[in-house]
Amino acid sequence: MSVGIVLHEPEIPSNTGNIGRTCVVTGTSLHLIEPLGFKLTEKAVKRSGMDYWEKLDVTRYLDYEDFCAAHPDAVVYYATTKARKLYTEVSYEDGCFILFGKESAGIPEEILMAHPDHCIRIPMLEDIRSLNLANSVAIVLYEALRQQQFKGLVRTGELHRHRWKEVPGLEEES
C-alpha cells in the first residue's frame, strides 16, 4: 500500500503514538511536519505506539515547505472540518498523501485555500468541533485502503485456541 499519512505540527504525543501504530499495522508511512508539540522519545508516544514504534516508517520535515519540496509531484488530500467534499467522494491514488492538521487548530487556512479540490472531511454533527486526530486518521486511511482492496493486508484472521468453521465466501487469499 502506498498511501502516506502526514501530520502537520502534531501536539499530543499519545495521538501520534496511536497513529504510528495504525501506520505500522497497515504498512503506511508516517510523515511528521515540525514543530512537534513533544519529543518522539516521550513515554506517551512509545506507550501508545507500543512495541510497534521501532517498525514505523517515519520521516520528519522542518516545515510544510520542506515536505512539499521533498514530494513536488505528490497528490495530497487535506483532511479538515472546513472541506466541502467528503472523504468518501475521492479516489485515493497509489502514492498519495493524506495530511491532517494539529489538534488545536487543524491545517492552516492558507494551505487549504491553495488546494480547495483536495480538501476532504468526515461528516459529523454541526455543533461539534471535531473528532480525535487518531480516530480521524484511522477512518480516512481505512477508506483509502478499502478503495485499493486492502492490497497487501491480511483479510482473514485465525482464532488462538479454536478454528473457524468453513463459512461460504470466506476463502483465504493466496
N, C-alpha and C. Protein backbone atom coordinates (compact mmCIF):
# COMPACT_ATOMS: atom_id res chain seq x y z
N MET A 1 0.85 -1.18 0.00
CA MET A 1 0.00 0.00 0.00
C MET A 1 0.88 1.22 0.00
N SER A 2 0.55 2.12 -0.81
CA SER A 2 1.40 3.29 -0.92
C SER A 2 0.60 4.58 -0.68
N VAL A 3 0.06 4.69 0.50
CA VAL A 3 -0.56 5.94 0.95
C VAL A 3 0.28 6.42 2.11
N GLY A 4 0.55 7.71 2.17
CA GLY A 4 1.30 8.25 3.29
C GLY A 4 0.41 9.12 4.16
N ILE A 5 0.56 9.00 5.45
CA ILE A 5 -0.15 9.86 6.40
C ILE A 5 0.81 10.97 6.82
N VAL A 6 0.33 12.21 6.75
CA VAL A 6 1.14 13.38 7.11
C VAL A 6 0.46 14.08 8.27
N LEU A 7 1.22 14.36 9.32
CA LEU A 7 0.71 15.13 10.46
C LEU A 7 1.41 16.48 10.46
N HIS A 8 0.64 17.54 10.32
CA HIS A 8 1.17 18.90 10.30
C HIS A 8 1.19 19.44 11.73
N GLU A 9 2.37 19.52 12.30
CA GLU A 9 2.59 20.07 13.64
C GLU A 9 1.75 19.41 14.73
N PRO A 10 1.80 18.08 14.84
CA PRO A 10 1.01 17.42 15.88
C PRO A 10 1.44 17.87 17.27
N GLU A 11 0.48 17.90 18.19
CA GLU A 11 0.73 18.44 19.54
C GLU A 11 0.65 17.40 20.65
N ILE A 12 -0.12 16.35 20.47
CA ILE A 12 -0.39 15.41 21.56
C ILE A 12 0.34 14.09 21.29
N PRO A 13 1.29 13.73 22.15
CA PRO A 13 2.11 12.55 21.88
C PRO A 13 1.32 11.25 21.76
N SER A 14 0.29 11.08 22.58
CA SER A 14 -0.46 9.81 22.50
C SER A 14 -1.20 9.69 21.17
N ASN A 15 -1.68 10.79 20.61
CA ASN A 15 -2.30 10.72 19.28
C ASN A 15 -1.30 10.25 18.24
N THR A 16 -0.11 10.85 18.25
CA THR A 16 0.91 10.46 17.28
C THR A 16 1.33 9.01 17.49
N GLY A 17 1.41 8.56 18.73
CA GLY A 17 1.73 7.17 19.00
C GLY A 17 0.67 6.23 18.45
N ASN A 18 -0.60 6.57 18.67
CA ASN A 18 -1.69 5.74 18.14
C ASN A 18 -1.69 5.73 16.62
N ILE A 19 -1.44 6.88 16.01
CA ILE A 19 -1.39 6.98 14.55
C ILE A 19 -0.21 6.16 14.02
N GLY A 20 0.92 6.24 14.71
CA GLY A 20 2.07 5.44 14.32
C GLY A 20 1.75 3.95 14.34
N ARG A 21 1.05 3.51 15.35
CA ARG A 21 0.67 2.10 15.44
C ARG A 21 -0.26 1.71 14.29
N THR A 22 -1.22 2.58 13.97
CA THR A 22 -2.11 2.33 12.83
C THR A 22 -1.30 2.24 11.54
N CYS A 23 -0.33 3.11 11.38
CA CYS A 23 0.51 3.09 10.19
C CYS A 23 1.31 1.79 10.09
N VAL A 24 1.85 1.33 11.20
CA VAL A 24 2.65 0.10 11.18
C VAL A 24 1.78 -1.08 10.76
N VAL A 25 0.60 -1.23 11.34
CA VAL A 25 -0.23 -2.41 11.04
C VAL A 25 -0.80 -2.37 9.64
N THR A 26 -0.77 -1.22 8.98
CA THR A 26 -1.28 -1.12 7.61
C THR A 26 -0.17 -0.96 6.58
N GLY A 27 1.08 -0.90 7.02
CA GLY A 27 2.18 -0.71 6.08
C GLY A 27 2.22 0.69 5.48
N THR A 28 1.75 1.65 6.23
CA THR A 28 1.65 3.03 5.77
C THR A 28 2.79 3.86 6.35
N SER A 29 3.36 4.73 5.54
CA SER A 29 4.42 5.61 6.04
C SER A 29 3.80 6.79 6.79
N LEU A 30 4.53 7.28 7.79
CA LEU A 30 4.09 8.43 8.58
C LEU A 30 5.08 9.56 8.36
N HIS A 31 4.55 10.75 8.07
CA HIS A 31 5.36 11.93 7.79
C HIS A 31 4.98 13.01 8.80
N LEU A 32 5.96 13.49 9.55
CA LEU A 32 5.73 14.47 10.61
C LEU A 32 6.33 15.81 10.23
N ILE A 33 5.47 16.83 10.17
CA ILE A 33 5.92 18.18 9.86
C ILE A 33 6.10 18.94 11.17
N GLU A 34 7.30 19.43 11.40
CA GLU A 34 7.62 20.16 12.63
C GLU A 34 7.09 21.59 12.56
N PRO A 35 6.97 22.23 13.72
CA PRO A 35 7.41 21.74 15.03
C PRO A 35 6.42 20.75 15.63
N LEU A 36 6.96 19.79 16.34
CA LEU A 36 6.15 18.83 17.08
C LEU A 36 5.92 19.39 18.48
N GLY A 37 4.78 19.09 19.06
CA GLY A 37 4.47 19.57 20.41
C GLY A 37 5.03 18.67 21.49
N PHE A 38 5.97 17.80 21.15
CA PHE A 38 6.53 16.82 22.07
C PHE A 38 7.79 16.26 21.45
N LYS A 39 8.51 15.46 22.23
CA LYS A 39 9.69 14.76 21.73
C LYS A 39 9.26 13.33 21.38
N LEU A 40 9.75 12.81 20.27
CA LEU A 40 9.38 11.45 19.87
C LEU A 40 9.85 10.40 20.86
N THR A 41 10.73 10.77 21.75
CA THR A 41 11.22 9.83 22.76
C THR A 41 10.32 9.78 24.01
N GLU A 42 9.30 10.63 24.06
CA GLU A 42 8.44 10.66 25.25
C GLU A 42 7.73 9.33 25.45
N LYS A 43 7.52 8.99 26.72
CA LYS A 43 6.87 7.73 27.07
C LYS A 43 5.47 7.64 26.47
N ALA A 44 4.74 8.75 26.40
CA ALA A 44 3.37 8.72 25.88
C ALA A 44 3.33 8.29 24.42
N VAL A 45 4.33 8.67 23.64
CA VAL A 45 4.39 8.25 22.24
C VAL A 45 4.66 6.76 22.18
N LYS A 46 5.65 6.31 22.92
CA LYS A 46 6.04 4.90 22.91
C LYS A 46 4.93 4.02 23.47
N ARG A 47 4.27 4.48 24.54
CA ARG A 47 3.20 3.68 25.17
C ARG A 47 2.04 3.50 24.19
N SER A 48 1.64 4.56 23.48
CA SER A 48 0.53 4.46 22.54
C SER A 48 0.92 3.64 21.32
N GLY A 49 2.15 3.79 20.88
CA GLY A 49 2.62 3.05 19.72
C GLY A 49 3.03 1.63 20.06
N MET A 50 3.11 1.34 21.35
CA MET A 50 3.54 0.05 21.88
C MET A 50 4.89 -0.34 21.28
N ASP A 51 5.12 -1.60 21.13
CA ASP A 51 6.40 -2.06 20.61
C ASP A 51 6.46 -1.97 19.08
N TYR A 52 5.41 -1.42 18.47
CA TYR A 52 5.38 -1.26 17.02
C TYR A 52 6.23 -0.09 16.55
N TRP A 53 6.51 0.86 17.43
CA TRP A 53 7.14 2.12 17.02
C TRP A 53 8.46 1.89 16.27
N GLU A 54 9.22 0.88 16.69
CA GLU A 54 10.51 0.60 16.04
C GLU A 54 10.33 0.14 14.59
N LYS A 55 9.16 -0.35 14.24
CA LYS A 55 8.89 -0.84 12.89
C LYS A 55 8.28 0.24 11.99
N LEU A 56 8.08 1.43 12.53
CA LEU A 56 7.40 2.51 11.80
C LEU A 56 8.32 3.16 10.77
N ASP A 57 7.80 3.34 9.57
CA ASP A 57 8.48 4.10 8.52
C ASP A 57 8.08 5.56 8.72
N VAL A 58 8.93 6.33 9.41
CA VAL A 58 8.61 7.71 9.76
C VAL A 58 9.67 8.66 9.22
N THR A 59 9.19 9.78 8.67
CA THR A 59 10.06 10.82 8.14
C THR A 59 9.64 12.15 8.74
N ARG A 60 10.63 12.97 9.11
CA ARG A 60 10.35 14.29 9.69
C ARG A 60 10.76 15.38 8.69
N TYR A 61 10.03 16.48 8.74
CA TYR A 61 10.28 17.63 7.87
C TYR A 61 10.35 18.89 8.73
N LEU A 62 11.19 19.83 8.34
CA LEU A 62 11.35 21.07 9.10
C LEU A 62 10.08 21.90 9.12
N ASP A 63 9.34 21.90 7.99
CA ASP A 63 8.10 22.66 7.88
C ASP A 63 7.33 22.17 6.65
N TYR A 64 6.18 22.76 6.39
CA TYR A 64 5.34 22.34 5.27
C TYR A 64 6.07 22.50 3.94
N GLU A 65 6.83 23.56 3.78
CA GLU A 65 7.57 23.80 2.54
C GLU A 65 8.61 22.70 2.32
N ASP A 66 9.24 22.24 3.38
CA ASP A 66 10.21 21.15 3.29
C ASP A 66 9.52 19.87 2.81
N PHE A 67 8.33 19.59 3.34
CA PHE A 67 7.56 18.42 2.90
C PHE A 67 7.24 18.54 1.41
N CYS A 68 6.75 19.70 0.99
CA CYS A 68 6.39 19.92 -0.43
C CYS A 68 7.61 19.77 -1.33
N ALA A 69 8.74 20.28 -0.90
CA ALA A 69 9.97 20.18 -1.70
C ALA A 69 10.42 18.73 -1.84
N ALA A 70 10.19 17.93 -0.82
CA ALA A 70 10.59 16.51 -0.85
C ALA A 70 9.65 15.68 -1.73
N HIS A 71 8.43 16.18 -1.95
CA HIS A 71 7.41 15.44 -2.72
C HIS A 71 6.74 16.39 -3.71
N PRO A 72 7.48 16.94 -4.67
CA PRO A 72 6.95 18.00 -5.54
C PRO A 72 5.78 17.59 -6.42
N ASP A 73 5.68 16.34 -6.81
CA ASP A 73 4.61 15.91 -7.71
C ASP A 73 3.53 15.09 -7.00
N ALA A 74 3.57 15.07 -5.69
CA ALA A 74 2.64 14.22 -4.93
C ALA A 74 1.22 14.78 -4.96
N VAL A 75 0.27 13.86 -4.94
CA VAL A 75 -1.14 14.21 -4.74
C VAL A 75 -1.37 14.17 -3.23
N VAL A 76 -1.86 15.28 -2.69
CA VAL A 76 -2.09 15.38 -1.25
C VAL A 76 -3.55 15.73 -1.01
N TYR A 77 -4.18 14.99 -0.10
CA TYR A 77 -5.53 15.30 0.34
C TYR A 77 -5.42 15.92 1.73
N TYR A 78 -6.21 16.95 1.99
CA TYR A 78 -6.13 17.72 3.22
C TYR A 78 -7.40 17.47 4.03
N ALA A 79 -7.26 16.76 5.14
CA ALA A 79 -8.40 16.41 5.98
C ALA A 79 -8.70 17.57 6.92
N THR A 80 -9.90 18.13 6.77
CA THR A 80 -10.29 19.30 7.54
C THR A 80 -11.80 19.34 7.74
N THR A 81 -12.24 19.87 8.85
CA THR A 81 -13.67 20.03 9.09
C THR A 81 -14.27 21.11 8.19
N LYS A 82 -13.43 21.88 7.51
CA LYS A 82 -13.89 23.00 6.69
C LYS A 82 -14.13 22.63 5.22
N ALA A 83 -13.85 21.39 4.85
CA ALA A 83 -13.97 20.97 3.45
C ALA A 83 -15.42 20.83 3.01
N ARG A 84 -15.64 20.95 1.73
CA ARG A 84 -16.97 20.74 1.15
C ARG A 84 -17.16 19.30 0.69
N LYS A 85 -16.06 18.60 0.43
CA LYS A 85 -16.11 17.24 -0.12
C LYS A 85 -15.88 16.23 1.00
N LEU A 86 -16.67 15.14 0.99
CA LEU A 86 -16.48 14.08 1.96
C LEU A 86 -15.28 13.21 1.60
N TYR A 87 -14.69 12.60 2.60
CA TYR A 87 -13.52 11.75 2.38
C TYR A 87 -13.85 10.52 1.53
N THR A 88 -15.12 10.16 1.43
CA THR A 88 -15.54 9.03 0.61
C THR A 88 -15.81 9.43 -0.84
N GLU A 89 -15.71 10.70 -1.16
CA GLU A 89 -16.02 11.19 -2.51
C GLU A 89 -14.78 11.38 -3.38
N VAL A 90 -13.64 10.91 -2.93
CA VAL A 90 -12.42 11.00 -3.73
C VAL A 90 -11.87 9.60 -3.96
N SER A 91 -11.06 9.47 -5.00
CA SER A 91 -10.36 8.22 -5.28
C SER A 91 -8.91 8.40 -4.86
N TYR A 92 -8.48 7.64 -3.88
CA TYR A 92 -7.13 7.76 -3.35
C TYR A 92 -6.15 7.01 -4.25
N GLU A 93 -5.30 7.77 -4.91
CA GLU A 93 -4.32 7.19 -5.83
C GLU A 93 -3.20 6.50 -5.06
N ASP A 94 -2.62 5.48 -5.68
CA ASP A 94 -1.44 4.86 -5.12
C ASP A 94 -0.35 5.93 -5.05
N GLY A 95 0.27 6.06 -3.91
CA GLY A 95 1.33 7.06 -3.74
C GLY A 95 0.86 8.41 -3.23
N CYS A 96 -0.42 8.56 -2.97
CA CYS A 96 -0.91 9.86 -2.47
C CYS A 96 -0.61 10.01 -0.98
N PHE A 97 -0.79 11.22 -0.49
CA PHE A 97 -0.65 11.53 0.93
C PHE A 97 -1.97 12.08 1.45
N ILE A 98 -2.24 11.83 2.73
CA ILE A 98 -3.40 12.41 3.40
C ILE A 98 -2.85 13.20 4.58
N LEU A 99 -3.05 14.51 4.55
CA LEU A 99 -2.47 15.42 5.54
C LEU A 99 -3.53 15.83 6.56
N PHE A 100 -3.16 15.77 7.83
CA PHE A 100 -4.01 16.14 8.94
C PHE A 100 -3.33 17.25 9.72
N GLY A 101 -4.11 18.19 10.24
CA GLY A 101 -3.55 19.31 10.99
C GLY A 101 -3.41 19.03 12.46
N LYS A 102 -2.81 19.99 13.16
CA LYS A 102 -2.61 19.83 14.60
C LYS A 102 -3.94 19.87 15.34
N GLU A 103 -3.94 19.26 16.50
CA GLU A 103 -5.16 19.06 17.26
C GLU A 103 -5.89 20.35 17.61
N SER A 104 -5.17 21.40 17.95
CA SER A 104 -5.81 22.63 18.43
C SER A 104 -6.32 23.54 17.32
N ALA A 105 -5.78 23.42 16.11
CA ALA A 105 -6.15 24.39 15.07
C ALA A 105 -6.35 23.81 13.68
N GLY A 106 -6.03 22.55 13.48
CA GLY A 106 -6.16 21.97 12.15
C GLY A 106 -5.07 22.44 11.21
N ILE A 107 -5.36 22.34 9.92
CA ILE A 107 -4.42 22.76 8.88
C ILE A 107 -4.59 24.26 8.67
N PRO A 108 -3.50 25.01 8.54
CA PRO A 108 -3.64 26.46 8.29
C PRO A 108 -4.51 26.73 7.06
N GLU A 109 -5.39 27.72 7.17
CA GLU A 109 -6.33 28.01 6.09
C GLU A 109 -5.63 28.42 4.80
N GLU A 110 -4.44 28.99 4.89
CA GLU A 110 -3.71 29.36 3.68
C GLU A 110 -3.37 28.12 2.85
N ILE A 111 -3.05 27.03 3.53
CA ILE A 111 -2.76 25.77 2.83
C ILE A 111 -4.05 25.24 2.21
N LEU A 112 -5.14 25.27 2.96
CA LEU A 112 -6.42 24.76 2.46
C LEU A 112 -6.87 25.55 1.23
N MET A 113 -6.74 26.87 1.29
CA MET A 113 -7.18 27.72 0.19
C MET A 113 -6.39 27.46 -1.09
N ALA A 114 -5.17 27.01 -0.97
CA ALA A 114 -4.34 26.71 -2.14
C ALA A 114 -4.72 25.37 -2.77
N HIS A 115 -5.53 24.55 -2.07
CA HIS A 115 -5.87 23.20 -2.55
C HIS A 115 -7.35 22.88 -2.33
N PRO A 116 -8.27 23.72 -2.77
CA PRO A 116 -9.69 23.51 -2.43
C PRO A 116 -10.26 22.19 -2.95
N ASP A 117 -9.79 21.70 -4.09
CA ASP A 117 -10.33 20.47 -4.66
C ASP A 117 -9.80 19.22 -3.98
N HIS A 118 -8.81 19.37 -3.13
CA HIS A 118 -8.23 18.22 -2.43
C HIS A 118 -8.52 18.25 -0.92
N CYS A 119 -9.41 19.13 -0.50
CA CYS A 119 -9.81 19.17 0.91
C CYS A 119 -10.97 18.20 1.12
N ILE A 120 -10.85 17.39 2.17
CA ILE A 120 -11.84 16.36 2.47
C ILE A 120 -12.24 16.46 3.94
N ARG A 121 -13.44 15.97 4.24
CA ARG A 121 -13.90 15.99 5.63
C ARG A 121 -14.67 14.73 5.96
N ILE A 122 -14.73 14.46 7.25
CA ILE A 122 -15.54 13.37 7.80
C ILE A 122 -16.84 14.01 8.28
N PRO A 123 -18.00 13.50 7.88
CA PRO A 123 -19.24 14.12 8.34
C PRO A 123 -19.45 13.94 9.84
N MET A 124 -19.98 14.99 10.46
CA MET A 124 -20.29 14.95 11.89
C MET A 124 -21.34 16.01 12.19
N LEU A 125 -21.84 16.01 13.38
CA LEU A 125 -22.84 17.00 13.77
C LEU A 125 -22.26 18.40 13.70
N GLU A 126 -23.11 19.34 13.39
CA GLU A 126 -22.68 20.73 13.16
C GLU A 126 -22.09 21.40 14.39
N ASP A 127 -22.63 21.15 15.56
CA ASP A 127 -22.19 21.87 16.75
C ASP A 127 -21.03 21.21 17.49
N ILE A 128 -20.43 20.19 16.89
CA ILE A 128 -19.29 19.50 17.49
C ILE A 128 -18.04 19.90 16.71
N ARG A 129 -16.97 20.26 17.40
CA ARG A 129 -15.79 20.80 16.75
C ARG A 129 -15.09 19.80 15.84
N SER A 130 -14.71 18.62 16.40
CA SER A 130 -14.00 17.64 15.57
C SER A 130 -13.84 16.32 16.30
N LEU A 131 -13.45 15.32 15.54
CA LEU A 131 -13.10 14.02 16.10
C LEU A 131 -11.68 14.06 16.64
N ASN A 132 -11.32 13.08 17.43
CA ASN A 132 -9.94 12.90 17.85
C ASN A 132 -9.08 12.65 16.62
N LEU A 133 -7.87 13.20 16.60
CA LEU A 133 -6.98 13.10 15.45
C LEU A 133 -6.68 11.64 15.08
N ALA A 134 -6.35 10.81 16.06
CA ALA A 134 -6.03 9.42 15.76
C ALA A 134 -7.22 8.69 15.15
N ASN A 135 -8.43 8.98 15.64
CA ASN A 135 -9.62 8.36 15.07
C ASN A 135 -9.85 8.84 13.65
N SER A 136 -9.63 10.12 13.40
CA SER A 136 -9.81 10.67 12.06
C SER A 136 -8.85 10.03 11.06
N VAL A 137 -7.61 9.88 11.46
CA VAL A 137 -6.62 9.23 10.59
C VAL A 137 -7.07 7.82 10.26
N ALA A 138 -7.50 7.06 11.26
CA ALA A 138 -7.91 5.67 11.03
C ALA A 138 -9.10 5.61 10.07
N ILE A 139 -10.07 6.47 10.24
CA ILE A 139 -11.26 6.46 9.38
C ILE A 139 -10.87 6.71 7.93
N VAL A 140 -10.13 7.76 7.68
CA VAL A 140 -9.79 8.12 6.30
C VAL A 140 -8.79 7.13 5.70
N LEU A 141 -7.80 6.72 6.47
CA LEU A 141 -6.82 5.76 5.96
C LEU A 141 -7.51 4.46 5.55
N TYR A 142 -8.41 3.95 6.35
CA TYR A 142 -9.05 2.68 6.00
C TYR A 142 -9.99 2.82 4.80
N GLU A 143 -10.50 4.01 4.55
CA GLU A 143 -11.25 4.21 3.30
C GLU A 143 -10.30 4.13 2.11
N ALA A 144 -9.14 4.74 2.21
CA ALA A 144 -8.15 4.66 1.13
C ALA A 144 -7.72 3.20 0.92
N LEU A 145 -7.50 2.48 2.00
CA LEU A 145 -7.11 1.07 1.90
C LEU A 145 -8.24 0.23 1.29
N ARG A 146 -9.46 0.52 1.68
CA ARG A 146 -10.62 -0.21 1.12
C ARG A 146 -10.68 0.00 -0.39
N GLN A 147 -10.50 1.26 -0.81
CA GLN A 147 -10.56 1.55 -2.24
C GLN A 147 -9.48 0.80 -3.02
N GLN A 148 -8.38 0.48 -2.37
CA GLN A 148 -7.31 -0.26 -3.02
C GLN A 148 -7.38 -1.75 -2.66
N GLN A 149 -8.59 -2.20 -2.31
CA GLN A 149 -8.88 -3.61 -1.98
C GLN A 149 -7.96 -4.16 -0.89
N PHE A 150 -7.54 -3.31 0.05
CA PHE A 150 -6.69 -3.74 1.16
C PHE A 150 -5.45 -4.49 0.67
N LYS A 151 -4.92 -4.01 -0.46
CA LYS A 151 -3.76 -4.65 -1.09
C LYS A 151 -2.63 -4.87 -0.08
N GLY A 152 -2.18 -6.11 0.02
CA GLY A 152 -1.07 -6.46 0.89
C GLY A 152 -1.45 -6.72 2.34
N LEU A 153 -2.69 -6.53 2.71
CA LEU A 153 -3.12 -6.73 4.09
C LEU A 153 -3.83 -8.08 4.25
N VAL A 154 -3.70 -8.69 5.41
CA VAL A 154 -4.37 -9.95 5.71
C VAL A 154 -5.86 -9.66 5.84
N ARG A 155 -6.66 -10.44 5.12
CA ARG A 155 -8.10 -10.20 5.11
C ARG A 155 -8.87 -11.14 6.03
N THR A 156 -8.27 -12.21 6.47
CA THR A 156 -8.96 -13.12 7.40
C THR A 156 -8.03 -13.40 8.57
N GLY A 157 -8.61 -13.65 9.72
CA GLY A 157 -7.83 -13.90 10.92
C GLY A 157 -8.02 -15.31 11.43
N GLU A 158 -7.16 -15.69 12.34
CA GLU A 158 -7.24 -17.01 12.95
C GLU A 158 -7.52 -16.86 14.44
N LEU A 159 -8.29 -17.77 14.97
CA LEU A 159 -8.54 -17.82 16.41
C LEU A 159 -7.30 -18.37 17.10
N HIS A 160 -7.15 -18.07 18.38
CA HIS A 160 -5.99 -18.56 19.13
C HIS A 160 -6.11 -20.02 19.52
N ARG A 161 -7.24 -20.42 20.06
CA ARG A 161 -7.41 -21.78 20.57
C ARG A 161 -8.38 -22.62 19.74
N HIS A 162 -9.11 -21.99 18.84
CA HIS A 162 -10.14 -22.70 18.07
C HIS A 162 -9.90 -22.47 16.58
N ARG A 163 -10.69 -23.13 15.78
CA ARG A 163 -10.66 -22.96 14.33
C ARG A 163 -12.02 -22.47 13.85
N TRP A 164 -12.01 -21.59 12.88
CA TRP A 164 -13.25 -21.15 12.26
C TRP A 164 -13.83 -22.32 11.47
N LYS A 165 -15.13 -22.51 11.54
CA LYS A 165 -15.77 -23.48 10.67
C LYS A 165 -15.81 -22.87 9.28
N GLU A 166 -15.88 -23.71 8.30
CA GLU A 166 -15.91 -23.17 6.94
C GLU A 166 -17.16 -22.32 6.76
N VAL A 167 -16.94 -21.12 6.27
CA VAL A 167 -18.03 -20.17 6.05
C VAL A 167 -18.02 -19.84 4.56
N PRO A 168 -19.14 -20.02 3.87
CA PRO A 168 -19.17 -19.67 2.45
C PRO A 168 -18.76 -18.23 2.23
N GLY A 169 -17.89 -18.02 1.24
CA GLY A 169 -17.46 -16.66 0.90
C GLY A 169 -16.27 -16.17 1.70
N LEU A 170 -15.77 -16.99 2.63
CA LEU A 170 -14.63 -16.57 3.45
C LEU A 170 -13.42 -17.43 3.09
N GLU A 171 -12.98 -17.28 1.85
CA GLU A 171 -11.83 -18.05 1.38
C GLU A 171 -10.56 -17.32 1.68
N GLU A 172 -9.50 -18.06 1.93
CA GLU A 172 -8.16 -17.47 2.14
C GLU A 172 -7.66 -16.95 0.80
N GLU A 173 -6.97 -15.82 0.83
CA GLU A 173 -6.33 -15.30 -0.37
C GLU A 173 -4.96 -15.93 -0.49
N SER A 174 -4.54 -16.14 -1.73
CA SER A 174 -3.20 -16.71 -1.89
C SER A 174 -2.18 -15.66 -2.21
